[in-house]
PDB file of N, CA and C in Angstrom:
ATOM      1  N   MET A   1     189.474  70.760 188.301  1.00  0.00           N
ATOM      2  CA  MET A   1     188.079  70.681 187.642  1.00  0.00           C
ATOM      3  C   MET A   1     187.986  71.974 186.364  1.00  0.00           C
ATOM      4  N   LEU A   2     187.582  71.120 185.259  1.00  0.00           N
ATOM      5  CA  LEU A   2     187.101  72.214 184.258  1.00  0.00           C
ATOM      6  C   LEU A   2     185.866  73.068 184.731  1.00  0.00           C
ATOM      7  N   SER A   3     185.545  74.230 184.359  1.00  0.00           N
ATOM      8  CA  SER A   3     184.320  74.509 184.775  1.00  0.00           C
ATOM      9  C   SER A   3     183.298  74.714 183.618  1.00  0.00           C
ATOM     10  N   GLN A   4     181.939  74.855 183.756  1.00  0.00           N
ATOM     11  CA  GLN A   4     180.691  74.733 183.119  1.00  0.00           C
ATOM     12  C   GLN A   4     181.695  75.278 181.530  1.00  0.00           C
ATOM     13  N   ASP A   5     182.022  76.442 181.391  1.00  0.00           N
ATOM     14  CA  ASP A   5     182.292  76.965 180.478  1.00  0.00           C
ATOM     15  C   ASP A   5     183.511  76.173 179.710  1.00  0.00           C
ATOM     16  N   GLU A   6     184.245  75.587 180.150  1.00  0.00           N
ATOM     17  CA  GLU A   6     185.155  75.089 179.723  1.00  0.00           C
ATOM     18  C   GLU A   6     184.611  73.653 178.944  1.00  0.00           C
ATOM     19  N   ILE A   7     183.843  73.227 179.986  1.00  0.00           N
ATOM     20  CA  ILE A   7     183.338  71.661 179.548  1.00  0.00           C
ATOM     21  C   ILE A   7     182.888  72.188 177.742  1.00  0.00           C
ATOM     22  N   ARG A   8     181.524  72.844 178.319  1.00  0.00           N
ATOM     23  CA  ARG A   8     180.923  73.221 177.110  1.00  0.00           C
ATOM     24  C   ARG A   8     181.914  73.784 176.041  1.00  0.00           C
ATOM     25  N   GLU A   9     182.347  74.520 176.183  1.00  0.00           N
ATOM     26  CA  GLU A   9     183.640  75.072 175.607  1.00  0.00           C
ATOM     27  C   GLU A   9     183.941  73.542 174.019  1.00  0.00           C
ATOM     28  N   ARG A  10     184.634  72.681 175.481  1.00  0.00           N
ATOM     29  CA  ARG A  10     185.106  71.299 174.665  1.00  0.00           C
ATOM     30  C   ARG A  10     184.218  70.421 173.993  1.00  0.00           C
ATOM     31  N   LEU A  11     182.774  70.620 174.282  1.00  0.00           N
ATOM     32  CA  LEU A  11     181.940  69.573 173.706  1.00  0.00           C
ATOM     33  C   LEU A  11     181.801  70.397 172.668  1.00  0.00           C
ATOM     34  N   ARG A  12     181.209  71.594 172.227  1.00  0.00           N
ATOM     35  CA  ARG A  12     181.247  72.557 170.957  1.00  0.00           C
ATOM     36  C   ARG A  12     182.066  71.954 170.225  1.00  0.00           C
ATOM     37  N   ALA A  13     183.617  72.616 170.311  1.00  0.00           N
ATOM     38  CA  ALA A  13     184.667  71.942 169.805  1.00  0.00           C
ATOM     39  C   ALA A  13     184.675  70.390 169.274  1.00  0.00           C
ATOM     40  N   ASP A  14     184.771  69.895 169.861  1.00  0.00           N
ATOM     41  CA  ASP A  14     184.470  67.677 169.530  1.00  0.00           C
ATOM     42  C   ASP A  14     183.592  68.326 168.986  1.00  0.00           C
ATOM     43  N   LEU A  15     182.341  68.380 168.887  1.00  0.00           N
ATOM     44  CA  LEU A  15     180.881  68.472 167.777  1.00  0.00           C
ATOM     45  C   LEU A  15     181.263  68.865 166.561  1.00  0.00           C
ATOM     46  N   ALA A  16     182.096  70.411 166.458  1.00  0.00           N
ATOM     47  CA  ALA A  16     182.424  71.043 165.586  1.00  0.00           C
ATOM     48  C   ALA A  16     183.110  70.098 164.723  1.00  0.00           C
ATOM     49  N   TRP A  17     184.338  68.977 164.898  1.00  0.00           N
ATOM     50  CA  TRP A  17     184.991  68.584 164.351  1.00  0.00           C
ATOM     51  C   TRP A  17     184.205  66.514 163.796  1.00  0.00           C
ATOM     52  N   CYS A  18     183.530  66.554 164.620  1.00  0.00           N
ATOM     53  CA  CYS A  18     182.833  65.572 164.183  1.00  0.00           C
ATOM     54  C   CYS A  18     181.909  65.998 163.203  1.00  0.00           C
ATOM     55  N   LEU A  19     181.075  66.827 163.139  1.00  0.00           N
ATOM     56  CA  LEU A  19     180.182  67.488 162.248  1.00  0.00           C
ATOM     57  C   LEU A  19     180.501  67.873 161.096  1.00  0.00           C
ATOM     58  N   ALA A  20     182.220  68.274 160.560  1.00  0.00           N
ATOM     59  CA  ALA A  20     183.151  68.324 159.664  1.00  0.00           C
ATOM     60  C   ALA A  20     183.711  67.307 159.278  1.00  0.00           C
ATOM     61  N   VAL A  21     184.120  66.258 159.650  1.00  0.00           N
ATOM     62  CA  VAL A  21     184.168  64.991 159.849  1.00  0.00           C
ATOM     63  C   VAL A  21     182.817  63.976 158.482  1.00  0.00           C
ATOM     64  N   ARG A  22     181.524  64.465 159.146  1.00  0.00           N
ATOM     65  CA  ARG A  22     180.210  64.201 158.727  1.00  0.00           C
ATOM     66  C   ARG A  22     179.971  64.692 157.231  1.00  0.00           C
ATOM     67  N   GLU A  23     180.539  65.918 156.962  1.00  0.00           N
ATOM     68  CA  GLU A  23     180.342  66.775 156.083  1.00  0.00           C
ATOM     69  C   GLU A  23     181.045  66.290 154.860  1.00  0.00           C
ATOM     70  N   HIS A  24     182.613  65.728 155.423  1.00  0.00           N
ATOM     71  CA  HIS A  24     183.556  65.704 154.381  1.00  0.00           C
ATOM     72  C   HIS A  24     183.283  64.282 153.915  1.00  0.00           C
ATOM     73  N   PHE A  25     182.695  63.505 154.550  1.00  0.00           N
ATOM     74  CA  PHE A  25     182.460  61.847 153.642  1.00  0.00           C
ATOM     75  C   PHE A  25     180.991  62.219 153.176  1.00  0.00           C
ATOM     76  N   LEU A  26     180.224  62.795 153.511  1.00  0.00           N
ATOM     77  CA  LEU A  26     178.699  63.219 153.016  1.00  0.00           C
ATOM     78  C   LEU A  26     178.925  63.751 151.642  1.00  0.00           C
ATOM     79  N   GLY A  27     180.111  64.951 151.549  1.00  0.00           N
ATOM     80  CA  GLY A  27     180.275  65.292 150.272  1.00  0.00           C
ATOM     81  C   GLY A  27     181.298  64.576 149.127  1.00  0.00           C
ATOM     82  N   ASN A  28     181.670  63.066 149.317  1.00  0.00           N
ATOM     83  CA  ASN A  28     182.466  62.572 148.899  1.00  0.00           C
ATOM     84  C   ASN A  28     182.267  61.375 148.661  1.00  0.00           C
ATOM     85  N   LEU A  29     180.200  61.020 148.854  1.00  0.00           N
ATOM     86  CA  LEU A  29     179.860  59.388 148.889  1.00  0.00           C
ATOM     87  C   LEU A  29     180.186  58.430 147.739  1.00  0.00           C
ATOM     88  N   ALA A  30     180.724  58.767 146.588  1.00  0.00           N
ATOM     89  CA  ALA A  30     180.271  58.190 145.708  1.00  0.00           C
ATOM     90  C   ALA A  30     182.078  57.449 145.443  1.00  0.00           C
ATOM     91  N   SER A  31     183.103  58.108 146.415  1.00  0.00           N
ATOM     92  CA  SER A  31     183.994  57.158 146.507  1.00  0.00           C
ATOM     93  C   SER A  31     184.793  56.579 147.726  1.00  0.00           C
ATOM     94  N   CYS A  32     183.144  56.550 148.957  1.00  0.00           N
ATOM     95  CA  CYS A  32     183.139  56.278 150.336  1.00  0.00           C
ATOM     96  C   CYS A  32     183.777  54.819 149.810  1.00  0.00           C
ATOM     97  N   ASP A  33     184.268  53.860 150.542  1.00  0.00           N
ATOM     98  CA  ASP A  33     184.649  52.270 150.952  1.00  0.00           C
ATOM     99  C   ASP A  33     183.855  52.133 152.230  1.00  0.00           C
ATOM    100  N   GLU A  34     183.679  50.993 152.741  1.00  0.00           N
ATOM    101  CA  GLU A  34     183.458  50.238 153.603  1.00  0.00           C
ATOM    102  C   GLU A  34     183.929  51.080 155.156  1.00  0.00           C
ATOM    103  N   GLY A  35     185.420  51.062 155.220  1.00  0.00           N
ATOM    104  CA  GLY A  35     185.813  51.823 156.307  1.00  0.00           C
ATOM    105  C   GLY A  35     185.386  53.583 156.285  1.00  0.00           C
ATOM    106  N   ASP A  36     185.534  53.818 155.422  1.00  0.00           N
ATOM    107  CA  ASP A  36     184.719  55.386 155.459  1.00  0.00           C
ATOM    108  C   ASP A  36     183.200  55.359 156.026  1.00  0.00           C
ATOM    109  N   TRP A  37     182.963  54.388 155.530  1.00  0.00           N
ATOM    110  CA  TRP A  37     181.370  53.734 156.172  1.00  0.00           C
ATOM    111  C   TRP A  37     181.450  54.079 157.021  1.00  0.00           C
ATOM    112  N   ALA A  38     182.090  53.309 157.967  1.00  0.00           N
ATOM    113  CA  ALA A  38     182.087  53.171 159.578  1.00  0.00           C
ATOM    114  C   ALA A  38     182.433  54.309 159.977  1.00  0.00           C
ATOM    115  N   SER A  39     183.641  55.019 159.635  1.00  0.00           N
ATOM    116  CA  SER A  39     183.647  56.300 160.327  1.00  0.00           C
ATOM    117  C   SER A  39     182.622  57.268 159.951  1.00  0.00           C
ATOM    118  N   LEU A  40     181.515  57.407 159.179  1.00  0.00           N
ATOM    119  CA  LEU A  40     180.609  57.855 159.012  1.00  0.00           C
ATOM    120  C   LEU A  40     179.897  57.471 160.465  1.00  0.00           C
ATOM    121  N   LEU A  41     179.612  56.742 160.274  1.00  0.00           N
ATOM    122  CA  LEU A  41     178.604  55.889 161.309  1.00  0.00           C
ATOM    123  C   LEU A  41     179.029  56.108 162.546  1.00  0.00           C
ATOM    124  N   ARG A  42     179.836  56.055 163.229  1.00  0.00           N
ATOM    125  CA  ARG A  42     181.044  56.510 164.129  1.00  0.00           C
ATOM    126  C   ARG A  42     181.125  57.781 164.801  1.00  0.00           C
ATOM    127  N   ALA A  43     181.323  58.870 163.439  1.00  0.00           N
ATOM    128  CA  ALA A  43     180.782  60.578 163.639  1.00  0.00           C
ATOM    129  C   ALA A  43     179.197  60.519 163.950  1.00  0.00           C
ATOM    130  N   GLU A  44     178.504  59.835 163.435  1.00  0.00           N
ATOM    131  CA  GLU A  44     176.915  60.517 163.723  1.00  0.00           C
ATOM    132  C   GLU A  44     176.520  60.255 164.902  1.00  0.00           C
ATOM    133  N   GLU A  45     177.292  58.663 165.602  1.00  0.00           N
ATOM    134  CA  GLU A  45     177.065  58.586 166.833  1.00  0.00           C
ATOM    135  C   GLU A  45     177.491  59.243 167.411  1.00  0.00           C
ATOM    136  N   ARG A  46     178.368  59.921 167.421  1.00  0.00           N
ATOM    137  CA  ARG A  46     179.243  61.153 168.267  1.00  0.00           C
ATOM    138  C   ARG A  46     178.604  61.977 168.409  1.00  0.00           C
ATOM    139  N   ILE A  47     177.760  62.699 167.074  1.00  0.00           N
ATOM    140  CA  ILE A  47     177.253  63.832 167.215  1.00  0.00           C
ATOM    141  C   ILE A  47     176.201  63.358 168.018  1.00  0.00           C
ATOM    142  N   SER A  48     175.383  62.807 167.778  1.00  0.00           N
ATOM    143  CA  SER A  48     174.611  62.314 168.654  1.00  0.00           C
ATOM    144  C   SER A  48     175.061  62.540 170.193  1.00  0.00           C
ATOM    145  N   ASP A  49     175.497  61.741 170.750  1.00  0.00           N
ATOM    146  CA  ASP A  49     176.131  62.067 171.901  1.00  0.00           C
ATOM    147  C   ASP A  49     176.555  62.968 172.330  1.00  0.00           C
ATOM    148  N   LEU A  50     177.468  64.345 171.599  1.00  0.00           N
ATOM    149  CA  LEU A  50     177.796  65.256 172.351  1.00  0.00           C
ATOM    150  C   LEU A  50     176.733  66.164 171.868  1.00  0.00           C
ATOM    151  N   GLU A  51     175.527  66.341 171.287  1.00  0.00           N
ATOM    152  CA  GLU A  51     174.464  66.787 171.517  1.00  0.00           C
ATOM    153  C   GLU A  51     173.739  66.887 173.317  1.00  0.00           C
ATOM    154  N   ARG A  52     173.483  65.456 172.742  1.00  0.00           N
ATOM    155  CA  ARG A  52     173.053  65.230 174.279  1.00  0.00           C
ATOM    156  C   ARG A  52     173.935  65.450 175.593  1.00  0.00           C
ATOM    157  N   ALA A  53     175.046  65.406 175.268  1.00  0.00           N
ATOM    158  CA  ALA A  53     176.100  66.051 176.522  1.00  0.00           C
ATOM    159  C   ALA A  53     175.768  67.466 177.009  1.00  0.00           C
ATOM    160  N   LEU A  54     175.816  68.801 175.662  1.00  0.00           N
ATOM    161  CA  LEU A  54     175.763  69.361 176.000  1.00  0.00           C
ATOM    162  C   LEU A  54     174.029  69.936 176.510  1.00  0.00           C
ATOM    163  N   GLN A  55     172.928  69.159 175.997  1.00  0.00           N
ATOM    164  CA  GLN A  55     171.550  69.594 176.668  1.00  0.00           C
ATOM    165  C   GLN A  55     171.593  69.267 178.179  1.00  0.00           C
ATOM    166  N   ARG A  56     172.783  68.095 178.805  1.00  0.00           N
ATOM    167  CA  ARG A  56     172.627  67.282 179.904  1.00  0.00           C
ATOM    168  C   ARG A  56     173.723  68.611 181.008  1.00  0.00           C
ATOM    169  N   LEU A  57     174.527  69.265 180.199  1.00  0.00           N
ATOM    170  CA  LEU A  57     174.965  69.945 180.684  1.00  0.00           C
ATOM    171  C   LEU A  57     174.015  71.754 181.172  1.00  0.00           C
ATOM    172  N   ASP A  58     173.179  71.833 180.313  1.00  0.00           N
ATOM    173  CA  ASP A  58     172.204  72.924 180.394  1.00  0.00           C
ATOM    174  C   ASP A  58     171.043  72.941 180.995  1.00  0.00           C
ATOM    175  N   ARG A  59     170.893  72.020 181.357  1.00  0.00           N
ATOM    176  CA  ARG A  59     169.765  71.293 182.356  1.00  0.00           C
ATOM    177  C   ARG A  59     170.431  71.039 183.670  1.00  0.00           C
ATOM    178  N   GLY A  60     171.866  70.770 183.772  1.00  0.00           N
ATOM    179  CA  GLY A  60     172.418  71.048 184.873  1.00  0.00           C
ATOM    180  C   GLY A  60     172.422  69.334 185.279  1.00  0.00           C
ATOM    181  N   GLU A  61     172.601  68.103 184.363  1.00  0.00           N
ATOM    182  CA  GLU A  61     172.715  66.837 184.741  1.00  0.00           C
ATOM    183  C   GLU A  61     173.503  66.313 184.085  1.00  0.00           C
ATOM    184  N   TYR A  62     174.655  66.923 183.602  1.00  0.00           N
ATOM    185  CA  TYR A  62     175.998  66.772 182.870  1.00  0.00           C
ATOM    186  C   TYR A  62     176.900  65.781 184.602  1.00  0.00           C
ATOM    187  N   GLY A  63     177.604  64.846 183.886  1.00  0.00           N
ATOM    188  CA  GLY A  63     178.569  64.325 185.181  1.00  0.00           C
ATOM    189  C   GLY A  63     177.717  63.274 185.927  1.00  0.00           C
ATOM    190  N   ILE A  64     176.299  63.261 185.683  1.00  0.00           N
ATOM    191  CA  ILE A  64     175.599  62.115 186.452  1.00  0.00           C
ATOM    192  C   ILE A  64     175.383  61.407 185.315  1.00  0.00           C
ATOM    193  N   CYS A  65     175.561  60.126 186.127  1.00  0.00           N
ATOM    194  CA  CYS A  65     174.736  58.782 185.403  1.00  0.00           C
ATOM    195  C   CYS A  65     173.380  58.949 185.088  1.00  0.00           C
ATOM    196  N   GLU A  66     173.352  58.364 183.857  1.00  0.00           N
ATOM    197  CA  GLU A  66     171.687  58.191 183.850  1.00  0.00           C
ATOM    198  C   GLU A  66     170.864  57.256 183.569  1.00  0.00           C
ATOM    199  N   ARG A  67     171.441  56.316 184.271  1.00  0.00           N
ATOM    200  CA  ARG A  67     170.987  55.233 184.525  1.00  0.00           C
ATOM    201  C   ARG A  67     171.228  55.024 186.146  1.00  0.00           C
ATOM    202  N   CYS A  68     171.889  55.378 187.006  1.00  0.00           N
ATOM    203  CA  CYS A  68     171.750  55.019 188.009  1.00  0.00           C
ATOM    204  C   CYS A  68     172.057  56.127 189.086  1.00  0.00           C
ATOM    205  N   GLY A  69     172.361  57.125 188.660  1.00  0.00           N
ATOM    206  CA  GLY A  69     172.453  58.515 189.190  1.00  0.00           C
ATOM    207  C   GLY A  69     173.561  58.986 189.852  1.00  0.00           C
ATOM    208  N   ALA A  70     174.368  57.951 189.591  1.00  0.00           N
ATOM    209  CA  ALA A  70     175.870  58.442 190.844  1.00  0.00           C
ATOM    210  C   ALA A  70     176.894  59.312 190.068  1.00  0.00           C
ATOM    211  N   GLU A  71     177.867  60.027 190.449  1.00  0.00           N
ATOM    212  CA  GLU A  71     178.446  60.720 189.570  1.00  0.00           C
ATOM    213  C   GLU A  71     179.292  60.100 189.084  1.00  0.00           C
ATOM    214  N   ILE A  72     180.032  60.588 187.686  1.00  0.00           N
ATOM    215  CA  ILE A  72     180.187  60.292 186.543  1.00  0.00           C
ATOM    216  C   ILE A  72     182.289  60.605 187.050  1.00  0.00           C
ATOM    217  N   PRO A  73     182.938  59.815 187.642  1.00  0.00           N
ATOM    218  CA  PRO A  73     184.570  60.214 187.965  1.00  0.00           C
ATOM    219  C   PRO A  73     185.317  61.710 186.850  1.00  0.00           C
ATOM    220  N   GLU A  74     185.273  62.264 187.607  1.00  0.00           N
ATOM    221  CA  GLU A  74     185.864  63.240 186.494  1.00  0.00           C
ATOM    222  C   GLU A  74     186.702  63.058 185.083  1.00  0.00           C
ATOM    223  N   ASP A  75     188.242  61.992 185.681  1.00  0.00           N
ATOM    224  CA  ASP A  75     188.871  61.210 184.606  1.00  0.00           C
ATOM    225  C   ASP A  75     188.196  60.376 183.587  1.00  0.00           C
ATOM    226  N   ARG A  76     186.953  60.218 183.679  1.00  0.00           N
ATOM    227  CA  ARG A  76     186.333  59.689 182.992  1.00  0.00           C
ATOM    228  C   ARG A  76     185.599  60.618 181.618  1.00  0.00           C
ATOM    229  N   LEU A  77     185.045  61.930 182.669  1.00  0.00           N
ATOM    230  CA  LEU A  77     184.516  63.029 181.436  1.00  0.00           C
ATOM    231  C   LEU A  77     185.908  63.644 180.844  1.00  0.00           C
ATOM    232  N   GLU A  78     186.652  63.423 181.446  1.00  0.00           N
ATOM    233  CA  GLU A  78     187.882  64.246 180.655  1.00  0.00           C
ATOM    234  C   GLU A  78     188.139  63.491 179.599  1.00  0.00           C
ATOM    235  N   MET A  79     188.359  61.927 179.498  1.00  0.00           N
ATOM    236  CA  MET A  79     188.843  61.263 178.808  1.00  0.00           C
ATOM    237  C   MET A  79     187.164  60.932 177.516  1.00  0.00           C
ATOM    238  N   LEU A  80     186.057  60.343 178.128  1.00  0.00           N
ATOM    239  CA  LEU A  80     185.004  60.771 177.461  1.00  0.00           C
ATOM    240  C   LEU A  80     184.152  62.138 177.794  1.00  0.00           C
ATOM    241  N   PRO A  81     184.453  63.723 177.304  1.00  0.00           N
ATOM    242  CA  PRO A  81     182.932  64.268 177.753  1.00  0.00           C
ATOM    243  C   PRO A  81     181.280  63.939 177.438  1.00  0.00           C
ATOM    244  N   GLU A  82     181.564  63.065 176.122  1.00  0.00           N
ATOM    245  CA  GLU A  82     180.123  62.865 175.823  1.00  0.00           C
ATOM    246  C   GLU A  82     179.714  61.953 176.567  1.00  0.00           C
ATOM    247  N   CYS A  83     180.807  61.024 177.606  1.00  0.00           N
ATOM    248  CA  CYS A  83     179.726  60.164 178.191  1.00  0.00           C
ATOM    249  C   CYS A  83     178.599  60.496 179.096  1.00  0.00           C
ATOM    250  N   SER A  84     177.922  59.573 178.989  1.00  0.00           N
ATOM    251  CA  SER A  84     176.351  59.555 180.248  1.00  0.00           C
ATOM    252  C   SER A  84     176.173  58.381 180.931  1.00  0.00           C
ATOM    253  N   LEU A  85     177.147  57.712 181.550  1.00  0.00           N
ATOM    254  CA  LEU A  85     177.272  56.638 182.429  1.00  0.00           C
ATOM    255  C   LEU A  85     178.056  56.093 183.022  1.00  0.00           C
ATOM    256  N   CYS A  86     177.834  56.195 184.404  1.00  0.00           N
ATOM    257  CA  CYS A  86     179.409  55.540 185.198  1.00  0.00           C
ATOM    258  C   CYS A  86     180.090  54.589 184.882  1.00  0.00           C
ATOM    259  N   VAL A  87     181.123  54.255 185.102  1.00  0.00           N
ATOM    260  CA  VAL A  87     181.564  53.126 184.248  1.00  0.00           C
ATOM    261  C   VAL A  87     180.874  51.570 185.168  1.00  0.00           C
ATOM    262  N   ALA A  88     180.560  51.323 186.470  1.00  0.00           N
ATOM    263  CA  ALA A  88     180.027  49.731 186.262  1.00  0.00           C
ATOM    264  C   ALA A  88     178.543  50.358 185.579  1.00  0.00           C
ATOM    265  N   CYS A  89     177.746  51.165 185.119  1.00  0.00           N
ATOM    266  CA  CYS A  89     176.849  51.233 183.937  1.00  0.00           C
ATOM    267  C   CYS A  89     176.860  50.575 182.997  1.00  0.00           C
ATOM    268  N   ALA A  90     178.344  51.738 182.094  1.00  0.00           N
ATOM    269  CA  ALA A  90     178.783  51.586 181.039  1.00  0.00           C
ATOM    270  C   ALA A  90     179.420  49.993 180.826  1.00  0.00           C
ATOM    271  N   ALA A  91     179.967  48.917 182.234  1.00  0.00           N
ATOM    272  CA  ALA A  91     180.104  47.778 181.779  1.00  0.00           C
ATOM    273  C   ALA A  91     178.833  47.099 181.646  1.00  0.00           C
ATOM    274  N   ASP A  92     177.935  47.314 182.656  1.00  0.00           N
ATOM    275  CA  ASP A  92     176.977  46.571 182.596  1.00  0.00           C
ATOM    276  C   ASP A  92     175.916  46.032 181.017  1.00  0.00           C
ATOM    277  N   MET A  93     176.303  47.547 180.592  1.00  0.00           N
ATOM    278  CA  MET A  93     175.424  47.822 179.358  1.00  0.00           C
ATOM    279  C   MET A  93     176.243  46.972 178.149  1.00  0.00           C
ATOM    280  N   GLU A  94     177.912  46.824 178.250  1.00  0.00           N
ATOM    281  CA  GLU A  94     178.588  46.225 177.562  1.00  0.00           C
ATOM    282  C   GLU A  94     178.346  44.660 177.450  1.00  0.00           C
ATOM    283  N   ARG A  95     178.126  44.080 178.744  1.00  0.00           N
ATOM    284  CA  ARG A  95     177.930  43.159 179.179  1.00  0.00           C
ATOM    285  C   ARG A  95     176.859  42.003 178.685  1.00  0.00           C
ATOM    286  N   ALA A  96     175.588  43.258 178.320  1.00  0.00           N
ATOM    287  CA  ALA A  96     174.141  42.516 178.185  1.00  0.00           C
ATOM    288  C   ALA A  96     174.381  42.671 176.680  1.00  0.00           C
ATOM    289  N   ARG A  97     175.042  43.587 176.001  1.00  0.00           N
ATOM    290  CA  ARG A  97     175.000  43.942 174.902  1.00  0.00           C
ATOM    291  C   ARG A  97     176.045  42.432 173.997  1.00  0.00           C
ATOM    292  N   GLN A  98     177.149  41.975 174.530  1.00  0.00           N
ATOM    293  CA  GLN A  98     178.086  41.058 173.721  1.00  0.00           C
ATOM    294  C   GLN A  98     177.163  39.791 173.795  1.00  0.00           C
ATOM    295  N   PRO A  99     176.000  39.236 174.656  1.00  0.00           N
ATOM    296  CA  PRO A  99     175.529  37.782 173.538  1.00  0.00           C
ATOM    297  C   PRO A  99     174.182  38.038 172.676  1.00  0.00           C
ATOM    298  N   ARG A 100     174.152  39.682 172.664  1.00  0.00           N
ATOM    299  CA  ARG A 100     173.832  39.541 171.086  1.00  0.00           C
ATOM    300  C   ARG A 100     174.241  39.698 169.601  1.00  0.00           C
ATOM    301  N   LEU A 101     175.736  40.493 170.124  1.00  0.00           N
ATOM    302  CA  LEU A 101     176.621  40.173 169.047  1.00  0.00           C
ATOM    303  C   LEU A 101     177.025  38.884 168.634  1.00  0.00           C
ATOM    304  N   ARG A 102     177.260  38.418 169.689  1.00  0.00           N
ATOM    305  CA  ARG A 102     178.005  36.783 169.097  1.00  0.00           C
ATOM    306  C   ARG A 102     176.762  36.332 168.066  1.00  0.00           C
ATOM    307  N   LEU A 103     175.133  36.629 169.252  1.00  0.00           N
ATOM    308  CA  LEU A 103     174.516  35.678 168.482  1.00  0.00           C
ATOM    309  C   LEU A 103     174.259  36.053 166.659  1.00  0.00           C
ATOM    310  N   ALA A 104     174.304  37.404 166.823  1.00  0.00           N
ATOM    311  CA  ALA A 104     174.285  38.497 165.118  1.00  0.00           C
ATOM    312  C   ALA A 104     175.352  37.411 164.345  1.00  0.00           C
ATOM    313  N   ALA A 105     176.268  37.453 165.121  1.00  0.00           N
ATOM    314  CA  ALA A 105     177.538  37.574 164.586  1.00  0.00           C
ATOM    315  C   ALA A 105     177.584  35.535 163.812  1.00  0.00           C
ATOM    316  N   GLN A 106     176.861  35.155 164.480  1.00  0.00           N
ATOM    317  CA  GLN A 106     176.677  33.605 164.524  1.00  0.00           C
ATOM    318  C   GLN A 106     175.584  32.982 163.503  1.00  0.00           C
ATOM    319  N   VAL A 107     174.572  34.129 163.072  1.00  0.00           N
ATOM    320  CA  VAL A 107     173.602  34.122 162.302  1.00  0.00           C
ATOM    321  C   VAL A 107     174.287  34.173 160.827  1.00  0.00           C
ATOM    322  N   GLN A 108     174.693  35.171 160.922  1.00  0.00           N
ATOM    323  CA  GLN A 108     175.786  35.450 159.362  1.00  0.00           C
ATOM    324  C   GLN A 108     176.153  34.409 158.895  1.00  0.00           C
TER     325      GLN A 108
END
């Protein structure tokens, strides 16, 4: 298991990388294509998630599911250090989101 200092360092390193990606795209807005915009949006979302993970770590809530309060498995945190939901809650949220995505696609 990683120590809190190791977790904090990893979150900060991931955050620094995402901030660099954002700065790259913001510095080249005129030449951005649709794929670049998608990458920029993903970077923005990940920046927010990483900042929230650092806040949870500072509050002693890191590794605890925000929805059900269960402990998030260590292997999940190693793969997605910014995750805030256990596997079951993440799956529930994704299932709830899917009908809305299909409906939005039908409207277009």
